[in-house]
Amino acid sequence: MSRRRGRNSASLGGNDEAFGTAQLSVTVAPDSGTDQLVGLAGKMTINIVDGKQLYEFEYTLAESK
């Protein structure tokens, strides 16, 4: 994703290592993008494996006007 200005809201959910691999999910709240982030939708997952944080962000973004 190239640099864009704007804000969005997100919801969080996750589990800790007591249930296996530590994981946190961040979901972009629908219709929350502003300015150049209008149309942003997606989810970021953070996994902690062997003490390392691994980030994956799957998203879609409407074409800028």
N, C-alpha and C. Protein backbone atom coordinates (compact mmCIF):
# COMPACT_ATOMS: atom_id res chain seq x y z
N MET A 1 0.85 -1.16 0.00
CA MET A 1 0.00 0.00 0.00
C MET A 1 0.90 1.22 0.00
N SER A 2 0.69 2.14 -0.93
CA SER A 2 1.45 3.39 -0.93
C SER A 2 0.94 4.28 0.19
N ARG A 3 1.70 5.30 0.52
CA ARG A 3 1.32 6.19 1.61
C ARG A 3 0.04 6.94 1.28
N ARG A 4 -0.88 6.92 2.20
CA ARG A 4 -2.14 7.65 2.06
C ARG A 4 -2.48 8.27 3.40
N ARG A 5 -3.16 9.39 3.35
CA ARG A 5 -3.59 10.06 4.57
C ARG A 5 -5.03 9.68 4.89
N GLY A 6 -5.32 9.61 6.17
CA GLY A 6 -6.68 9.34 6.61
C GLY A 6 -6.68 8.59 7.91
N ARG A 7 -7.87 8.32 8.39
CA ARG A 7 -8.05 7.58 9.64
C ARG A 7 -9.08 6.49 9.41
N ASN A 8 -9.03 5.50 10.28
CA ASN A 8 -10.04 4.47 10.26
C ASN A 8 -10.20 3.92 11.67
N SER A 9 -11.24 3.15 11.89
CA SER A 9 -11.49 2.49 13.17
C SER A 9 -11.28 1.00 12.99
N ALA A 10 -11.04 0.31 14.10
CA ALA A 10 -10.80 -1.12 14.04
C ALA A 10 -11.36 -1.80 15.28
N SER A 11 -11.61 -3.10 15.15
CA SER A 11 -11.99 -3.90 16.30
C SER A 11 -10.90 -4.94 16.54
N LEU A 12 -10.72 -5.33 17.80
CA LEU A 12 -9.64 -6.25 18.17
C LEU A 12 -10.21 -7.53 18.74
N GLY A 13 -9.50 -8.63 18.54
CA GLY A 13 -9.83 -9.90 19.15
C GLY A 13 -8.60 -10.77 19.17
N GLY A 14 -8.50 -11.68 20.12
CA GLY A 14 -7.32 -12.52 20.15
C GLY A 14 -7.35 -13.54 21.26
N ASN A 15 -6.25 -14.25 21.38
CA ASN A 15 -6.08 -15.21 22.46
C ASN A 15 -4.62 -15.19 22.91
N ASP A 16 -4.38 -15.74 24.08
CA ASP A 16 -3.00 -15.74 24.57
C ASP A 16 -2.39 -17.13 24.47
N GLU A 17 -1.17 -17.25 24.88
CA GLU A 17 -0.44 -18.50 24.72
C GLU A 17 -1.02 -19.66 25.51
N ALA A 18 -1.91 -19.39 26.45
CA ALA A 18 -2.54 -20.47 27.20
C ALA A 18 -3.36 -21.37 26.28
N PHE A 19 -3.78 -20.83 25.13
CA PHE A 19 -4.57 -21.60 24.17
C PHE A 19 -3.76 -22.05 22.96
N GLY A 20 -2.45 -21.98 23.03
CA GLY A 20 -1.60 -22.34 21.90
C GLY A 20 -0.78 -21.15 21.47
N THR A 21 -0.74 -20.89 20.17
CA THR A 21 0.01 -19.76 19.63
C THR A 21 -0.70 -18.45 19.96
N ALA A 22 0.06 -17.49 20.51
CA ALA A 22 -0.53 -16.19 20.79
C ALA A 22 -0.90 -15.51 19.48
N GLN A 23 -2.07 -14.90 19.43
CA GLN A 23 -2.55 -14.28 18.20
C GLN A 23 -3.45 -13.10 18.52
N LEU A 24 -3.38 -12.08 17.68
CA LEU A 24 -4.26 -10.92 17.79
C LEU A 24 -4.77 -10.59 16.40
N SER A 25 -6.07 -10.32 16.27
CA SER A 25 -6.66 -9.94 14.99
C SER A 25 -7.18 -8.52 15.10
N VAL A 26 -6.93 -7.72 14.08
CA VAL A 26 -7.40 -6.35 14.02
C VAL A 26 -8.21 -6.23 12.72
N THR A 27 -9.49 -5.91 12.84
CA THR A 27 -10.36 -5.80 11.67
C THR A 27 -10.74 -4.34 11.46
N VAL A 28 -10.57 -3.85 10.24
CA VAL A 28 -10.96 -2.48 9.92
C VAL A 28 -12.48 -2.38 9.99
N ALA A 29 -12.98 -1.42 10.78
CA ALA A 29 -14.42 -1.23 10.89
C ALA A 29 -14.99 -0.77 9.54
N PRO A 30 -16.09 -1.37 9.09
CA PRO A 30 -16.67 -1.00 7.79
C PRO A 30 -16.98 0.50 7.70
N ASP A 31 -16.70 1.07 6.56
CA ASP A 31 -17.01 2.48 6.25
C ASP A 31 -16.38 3.47 7.22
N SER A 32 -15.24 3.12 7.81
CA SER A 32 -14.61 4.01 8.78
C SER A 32 -13.45 4.82 8.19
N GLY A 33 -13.02 4.51 6.98
CA GLY A 33 -11.90 5.23 6.37
C GLY A 33 -12.26 6.66 6.00
N THR A 34 -11.31 7.58 6.18
CA THR A 34 -11.51 8.97 5.80
C THR A 34 -10.44 9.39 4.79
N ASP A 35 -10.64 10.53 4.18
CA ASP A 35 -9.68 11.10 3.23
C ASP A 35 -9.25 10.06 2.20
N GLN A 36 -7.98 9.76 2.11
CA GLN A 36 -7.47 8.82 1.11
C GLN A 36 -7.67 7.36 1.50
N LEU A 37 -8.25 7.11 2.68
CA LEU A 37 -8.51 5.74 3.11
C LEU A 37 -9.98 5.35 3.00
N VAL A 38 -10.79 6.19 2.31
CA VAL A 38 -12.19 5.83 2.07
C VAL A 38 -12.20 4.54 1.25
N GLY A 39 -12.99 3.59 1.67
CA GLY A 39 -13.07 2.31 0.96
C GLY A 39 -12.12 1.25 1.48
N LEU A 40 -11.35 1.55 2.53
CA LEU A 40 -10.43 0.57 3.11
C LEU A 40 -11.22 -0.49 3.85
N ALA A 41 -10.90 -1.74 3.58
CA ALA A 41 -11.48 -2.88 4.29
C ALA A 41 -10.37 -3.90 4.47
N GLY A 42 -10.37 -4.61 5.57
CA GLY A 42 -9.36 -5.62 5.74
C GLY A 42 -9.19 -6.09 7.16
N LYS A 43 -8.18 -6.95 7.32
CA LYS A 43 -7.89 -7.57 8.60
C LYS A 43 -6.39 -7.77 8.73
N MET A 44 -5.85 -7.43 9.90
CA MET A 44 -4.45 -7.68 10.19
C MET A 44 -4.39 -8.73 11.29
N THR A 45 -3.54 -9.72 11.10
CA THR A 45 -3.33 -10.76 12.09
C THR A 45 -1.89 -10.67 12.58
N ILE A 46 -1.73 -10.72 13.90
CA ILE A 46 -0.41 -10.72 14.51
C ILE A 46 -0.25 -12.05 15.23
N ASN A 47 0.71 -12.85 14.80
CA ASN A 47 1.02 -14.12 15.45
C ASN A 47 2.36 -13.99 16.14
N ILE A 48 2.48 -14.57 17.32
CA ILE A 48 3.76 -14.60 18.01
C ILE A 48 4.23 -16.05 18.00
N VAL A 49 5.33 -16.27 17.27
CA VAL A 49 5.88 -17.60 17.09
C VAL A 49 7.35 -17.55 17.50
N ASP A 50 7.73 -18.41 18.42
CA ASP A 50 9.12 -18.45 18.91
C ASP A 50 9.60 -17.07 19.34
N GLY A 51 8.72 -16.30 19.98
CA GLY A 51 9.10 -14.98 20.49
C GLY A 51 9.16 -13.88 19.44
N LYS A 52 8.80 -14.18 18.20
CA LYS A 52 8.82 -13.18 17.12
C LYS A 52 7.40 -12.83 16.72
N GLN A 53 7.16 -11.53 16.47
CA GLN A 53 5.85 -11.08 16.03
C GLN A 53 5.81 -11.09 14.50
N LEU A 54 4.82 -11.78 13.96
CA LEU A 54 4.63 -11.88 12.51
C LEU A 54 3.33 -11.17 12.15
N TYR A 55 3.39 -10.20 11.24
CA TYR A 55 2.24 -9.39 10.86
C TYR A 55 1.79 -9.74 9.45
N GLU A 56 0.48 -9.89 9.28
CA GLU A 56 -0.10 -10.11 7.96
C GLU A 56 -1.32 -9.21 7.83
N PHE A 57 -1.32 -8.35 6.81
CA PHE A 57 -2.44 -7.41 6.60
C PHE A 57 -3.03 -7.69 5.23
N GLU A 58 -4.23 -8.21 5.24
CA GLU A 58 -4.97 -8.46 4.00
C GLU A 58 -6.00 -7.35 3.88
N TYR A 59 -6.00 -6.65 2.74
CA TYR A 59 -6.89 -5.50 2.61
C TYR A 59 -7.30 -5.27 1.18
N THR A 60 -8.36 -4.49 1.04
CA THR A 60 -8.77 -3.94 -0.25
C THR A 60 -8.90 -2.44 -0.04
N LEU A 61 -8.65 -1.69 -1.09
CA LEU A 61 -8.73 -0.23 -1.00
C LEU A 61 -9.25 0.30 -2.32
N ALA A 62 -10.31 1.07 -2.23
CA ALA A 62 -10.91 1.64 -3.44
C ALA A 62 -9.89 2.56 -4.13
N GLU A 63 -9.99 2.66 -5.43
CA GLU A 63 -9.11 3.58 -6.18
C GLU A 63 -9.30 4.99 -5.69
N SER A 64 -8.19 5.73 -5.54
CA SER A 64 -8.30 7.13 -5.13
C SER A 64 -8.81 7.98 -6.29
N LYS A 65 -9.53 9.01 -5.93
CA LYS A 65 -10.13 9.88 -6.96
C LYS A 65 -9.29 11.11 -7.17
